[in-house]
Amino acid sequence: MSEEITKTNIRIFRLMSGEEIIAEYSKIYKDTYILKNCAIIIPDSSGSIILYPWMPYAESDNGIEIPTRSITFSIEPHEALLEEYTDSFSSDTDNTLVGASPTPPSLKIADGGDTVQGD
């Protein structure tokens, strides 16, 4: 990654479609957010959440442009979620989530195949 992920540029975005994604936003250009390293937040039946790469089949190295009219709100993530997200992306060079770091009990990370769950 060319830019360092920091706490101040990561937010949760609720889209008009109802999807909730956590992403690094690098800038706002006109009426558009540029989101990088996007992960969809999926609640599971046990009360935990799963982070899964959002749009893994798209070329998104330069970010994904999301019009502001498609976003209902954005908010800062809880510290545990922020840490898991940051750890997942900072240890990978191709911008995909990995399950290599310890996961807090209430979080799960899906890496596209296996799911890693904290103890």
C-alpha atoms as a PDB file:
ATOM      1  CA  MET A   1       0.000   0.000   0.000  1.00  0.00           C
ATOM      2  CA  SER A   2       1.272   3.422  -0.780  1.00  0.00           C
ATOM      3  CA  GLU A   3      -0.508   5.250   2.050  1.00  0.00           C
ATOM      4  CA  GLU A   4      -0.465   4.301   5.708  1.00  0.00           C
ATOM      5  CA  ILE A   5      -3.810   3.400   7.244  1.00  0.00           C
ATOM      6  CA  THR A   6      -4.542   5.635  10.229  1.00  0.00           C
ATOM      7  CA  LYS A   7      -7.413   5.758  12.700  1.00  0.00           C
ATOM      8  CA  THR A   8      -8.488   9.143  11.435  1.00  0.00           C
ATOM      9  CA  ASN A   9      -9.225   8.031   7.879  1.00  0.00           C
ATOM     10  CA  ILE A  10     -11.227   4.855   8.547  1.00  0.00           C
ATOM     11  CA  ARG A  11     -15.006   4.984   8.914  1.00  0.00           C
ATOM     12  CA  ILE A  12     -18.054   2.785   8.682  1.00  0.00           C
ATOM     13  CA  PHE A  13     -20.340   3.756   5.808  1.00  0.00           C
ATOM     14  CA  ARG A  14     -24.017   2.725   5.576  1.00  0.00           C
ATOM     15  CA  LEU A  15     -25.015   2.646   1.938  1.00  0.00           C
ATOM     16  CA  MET A  16     -28.524   3.262   0.572  1.00  0.00           C
ATOM     17  CA  SER A  17     -28.592  -0.467  -0.259  1.00  0.00           C
ATOM     18  CA  GLY A  18     -28.353  -1.243   3.475  1.00  0.00           C
ATOM     19  CA  GLU A  19     -24.784  -2.552   3.255  1.00  0.00           C
ATOM     20  CA  GLU A  20     -22.417  -1.452   5.990  1.00  0.00           C
ATOM     21  CA  ILE A  21     -18.799  -1.253   4.958  1.00  0.00           C
ATOM     22  CA  ILE A  22     -15.675  -0.237   6.794  1.00  0.00           C
ATOM     23  CA  ALA A  23     -13.122   1.499   4.620  1.00  0.00           C
ATOM     24  CA  GLU A  24     -10.264   3.896   4.428  1.00  0.00           C
ATOM     25  CA  TYR A  25     -11.342   7.086   2.724  1.00  0.00           C
ATOM     26  CA  SER A  26      -8.532   8.947   1.088  1.00  0.00           C
ATOM     27  CA  LYS A  27     -10.348  12.036  -0.090  1.00  0.00           C
ATOM     28  CA  ILE A  28     -13.682  13.507  -1.038  1.00  0.00           C
ATOM     29  CA  TYR A  29     -13.742  14.737  -4.614  1.00  0.00           C
ATOM     30  CA  LYS A  30     -16.749  16.860  -5.562  1.00  0.00           C
ATOM     31  CA  ASP A  31     -19.743  14.749  -4.465  1.00  0.00           C
ATOM     32  CA  THR A  32     -17.821  11.487  -4.278  1.00  0.00           C
ATOM     33  CA  TYR A  33     -16.004   9.530  -1.590  1.00  0.00           C
ATOM     34  CA  ILE A  34     -12.957   7.545  -2.675  1.00  0.00           C
ATOM     35  CA  LEU A  35     -12.936   4.396  -0.531  1.00  0.00           C
ATOM     36  CA  LYS A  36     -10.014   1.994  -0.278  1.00  0.00           C
ATOM     37  CA  ASN A  37      -9.569  -1.389   1.398  1.00  0.00           C
ATOM     38  CA  CYS A  38     -13.317  -1.857   1.724  1.00  0.00           C
ATOM     39  CA  ALA A  39     -14.772  -4.661   3.838  1.00  0.00           C
ATOM     40  CA  ILE A  40     -18.451  -5.433   4.282  1.00  0.00           C
ATOM     41  CA  ILE A  41     -19.627  -5.894   7.858  1.00  0.00           C
ATOM     42  CA  ILE A  42     -21.857  -8.957   8.178  1.00  0.00           C
ATOM     43  CA  PRO A  43     -23.558  -9.845  11.480  1.00  0.00           C
ATOM     44  CA  ASP A  44     -23.861 -13.582  12.155  1.00  0.00           C
ATOM     45  CA  SER A  45     -26.353 -15.577  14.207  1.00  0.00           C
ATOM     46  CA  SER A  46     -24.036 -15.804  17.247  1.00  0.00           C
ATOM     47  CA  GLY A  47     -23.931 -12.038  17.723  1.00  0.00           C
ATOM     48  CA  SER A  48     -20.455 -11.678  16.235  1.00  0.00           C
ATOM     49  CA  ILE A  49     -19.569  -9.878  13.053  1.00  0.00           C
ATOM     50  CA  ILE A  50     -17.663 -10.986  10.000  1.00  0.00           C
ATOM     51  CA  LEU A  51     -15.500  -8.710   7.864  1.00  0.00           C
ATOM     52  CA  TYR A  52     -15.422  -9.814   4.249  1.00  0.00           C
ATOM     53  CA  PRO A  53     -13.737  -8.072   1.319  1.00  0.00           C
ATOM     54  CA  TRP A  54     -16.231  -5.839  -0.474  1.00  0.00           C
ATOM     55  CA  MET A  55     -16.073  -6.079  -4.272  1.00  0.00           C
ATOM     56  CA  PRO A  56     -13.192  -8.614  -4.259  1.00  0.00           C
ATOM     57  CA  TYR A  57     -13.746  -9.303  -7.950  1.00  0.00           C
ATOM     58  CA  ALA A  58     -13.094  -5.688  -8.979  1.00  0.00           C
ATOM     59  CA  GLU A  59      -9.833  -3.870  -9.662  1.00  0.00           C
ATOM     60  CA  SER A  60      -9.853  -1.338  -6.855  1.00  0.00           C
ATOM     61  CA  ASP A  61      -6.223  -0.475  -6.153  1.00  0.00           C
ATOM     62  CA  ASN A  62      -7.014   3.212  -6.699  1.00  0.00           C
ATOM     63  CA  GLY A  63     -10.168   3.027  -4.584  1.00  0.00           C
ATOM     64  CA  ILE A  64     -13.861   2.773  -5.349  1.00  0.00           C
ATOM     65  CA  GLU A  65     -15.790   5.941  -6.083  1.00  0.00           C
ATOM     66  CA  ILE A  66     -19.054   6.150  -4.144  1.00  0.00           C
ATOM     67  CA  PRO A  67     -21.365   9.119  -4.748  1.00  0.00           C
ATOM     68  CA  THR A  68     -22.331  10.871  -1.512  1.00  0.00           C
ATOM     69  CA  ARG A  69     -26.021  10.422  -2.432  1.00  0.00           C
ATOM     70  CA  SER A  70     -25.480   6.633  -2.082  1.00  0.00           C
ATOM     71  CA  ILE A  71     -24.338   6.970   1.552  1.00  0.00           C
ATOM     72  CA  THR A  72     -26.935   7.380   4.304  1.00  0.00           C
ATOM     73  CA  PHE A  73     -24.352   8.076   7.017  1.00  0.00           C
ATOM     74  CA  SER A  74     -20.788   7.422   8.166  1.00  0.00           C
ATOM     75  CA  ILE A  75     -19.471   6.907  11.671  1.00  0.00           C
ATOM     76  CA  GLU A  76     -16.214   6.080  13.460  1.00  0.00           C
ATOM     77  CA  PRO A  77     -15.794   2.347  14.162  1.00  0.00           C
ATOM     78  CA  HIS A  78     -15.561   0.864  17.648  1.00  0.00           C
ATOM     79  CA  GLU A  79     -11.925   0.473  18.775  1.00  0.00           C
ATOM     80  CA  ALA A  80     -11.935  -3.373  18.601  1.00  0.00           C
ATOM     81  CA  LEU A  81     -13.285  -3.338  15.055  1.00  0.00           C
ATOM     82  CA  LEU A  82     -10.836  -0.628  14.046  1.00  0.00           C
ATOM     83  CA  GLU A  83      -7.898  -2.619  15.403  1.00  0.00           C
ATOM     84  CA  GLU A  84      -8.977  -5.812  13.633  1.00  0.00           C
ATOM     85  CA  TYR A  85      -9.534  -3.988  10.360  1.00  0.00           C
ATOM     86  CA  THR A  86      -6.188  -2.172  10.603  1.00  0.00           C
ATOM     87  CA  ASP A  87      -4.307  -5.372  11.506  1.00  0.00           C
ATOM     88  CA  SER A  88      -5.920  -7.219   8.622  1.00  0.00           C
ATOM     89  CA  PHE A  89      -4.954  -4.688   5.984  1.00  0.00           C
ATOM     90  CA  SER A  90      -1.582  -3.619   7.347  1.00  0.00           C
ATOM     91  CA  SER A  91      -0.204  -7.169   7.129  1.00  0.00           C
ATOM     92  CA  ASP A  92      -1.238  -7.724   3.505  1.00  0.00           C
ATOM     93  CA  THR A  93       0.108  -6.164   0.350  1.00  0.00           C
ATOM     94  CA  ASP A  94      -2.679  -6.965  -2.133  1.00  0.00           C
ATOM     95  CA  ASN A  95      -5.499  -5.219  -0.221  1.00  0.00           C
ATOM     96  CA  THR A  96      -7.389  -8.347   0.792  1.00  0.00           C
ATOM     97  CA  LEU A  97      -8.396  -9.250   4.300  1.00  0.00           C
ATOM     98  CA  VAL A  98      -6.312 -11.873   6.032  1.00  0.00           C
ATOM     99  CA  GLY A  99      -6.959 -13.851   9.183  1.00  0.00           C
ATOM    100  CA  ALA A 100      -3.390 -13.813  10.459  1.00  0.00           C
ATOM    101  CA  SER A 101      -3.868 -11.633  13.508  1.00  0.00           C
ATOM    102  CA  PRO A 102      -5.548 -12.544  16.806  1.00  0.00           C
ATOM    103  CA  THR A 103      -9.274 -11.830  16.707  1.00  0.00           C
ATOM    104  CA  PRO A 104     -11.203 -10.481  19.707  1.00  0.00           C
ATOM    105  CA  PRO A 105     -13.967 -12.837  20.920  1.00  0.00           C
ATOM    106  CA  SER A 106     -16.768 -10.812  19.366  1.00  0.00           C
ATOM    107  CA  LEU A 107     -15.185 -10.520  15.919  1.00  0.00           C
ATOM    108  CA  LYS A 108     -14.596 -12.922  13.054  1.00  0.00           C
ATOM    109  CA  ILE A 109     -12.615 -12.278   9.916  1.00  0.00           C
ATOM    110  CA  ALA A 110     -13.411 -14.151   6.726  1.00  0.00           C
ATOM    111  CA  ASP A 111     -10.493 -14.318   4.336  1.00  0.00           C
ATOM    112  CA  GLY A 112     -12.412 -15.546   1.318  1.00  0.00           C
ATOM    113  CA  GLY A 113     -12.199 -19.196   2.331  1.00  0.00           C
ATOM    114  CA  ASP A 114     -11.747 -20.044   5.964  1.00  0.00           C
ATOM    115  CA  THR A 115     -13.128 -18.036   8.857  1.00  0.00           C
ATOM    116  CA  VAL A 116     -10.869 -17.214  11.778  1.00  0.00           C
ATOM    117  CA  GLN A 117     -12.577 -16.688  15.138  1.00  0.00           C
ATOM    118  CA  GLY A 118     -11.125 -15.352  18.345  1.00  0.00           C
ATOM    119  CA  ASP A 119     -11.153 -17.318  21.575  1.00  0.00           C
END
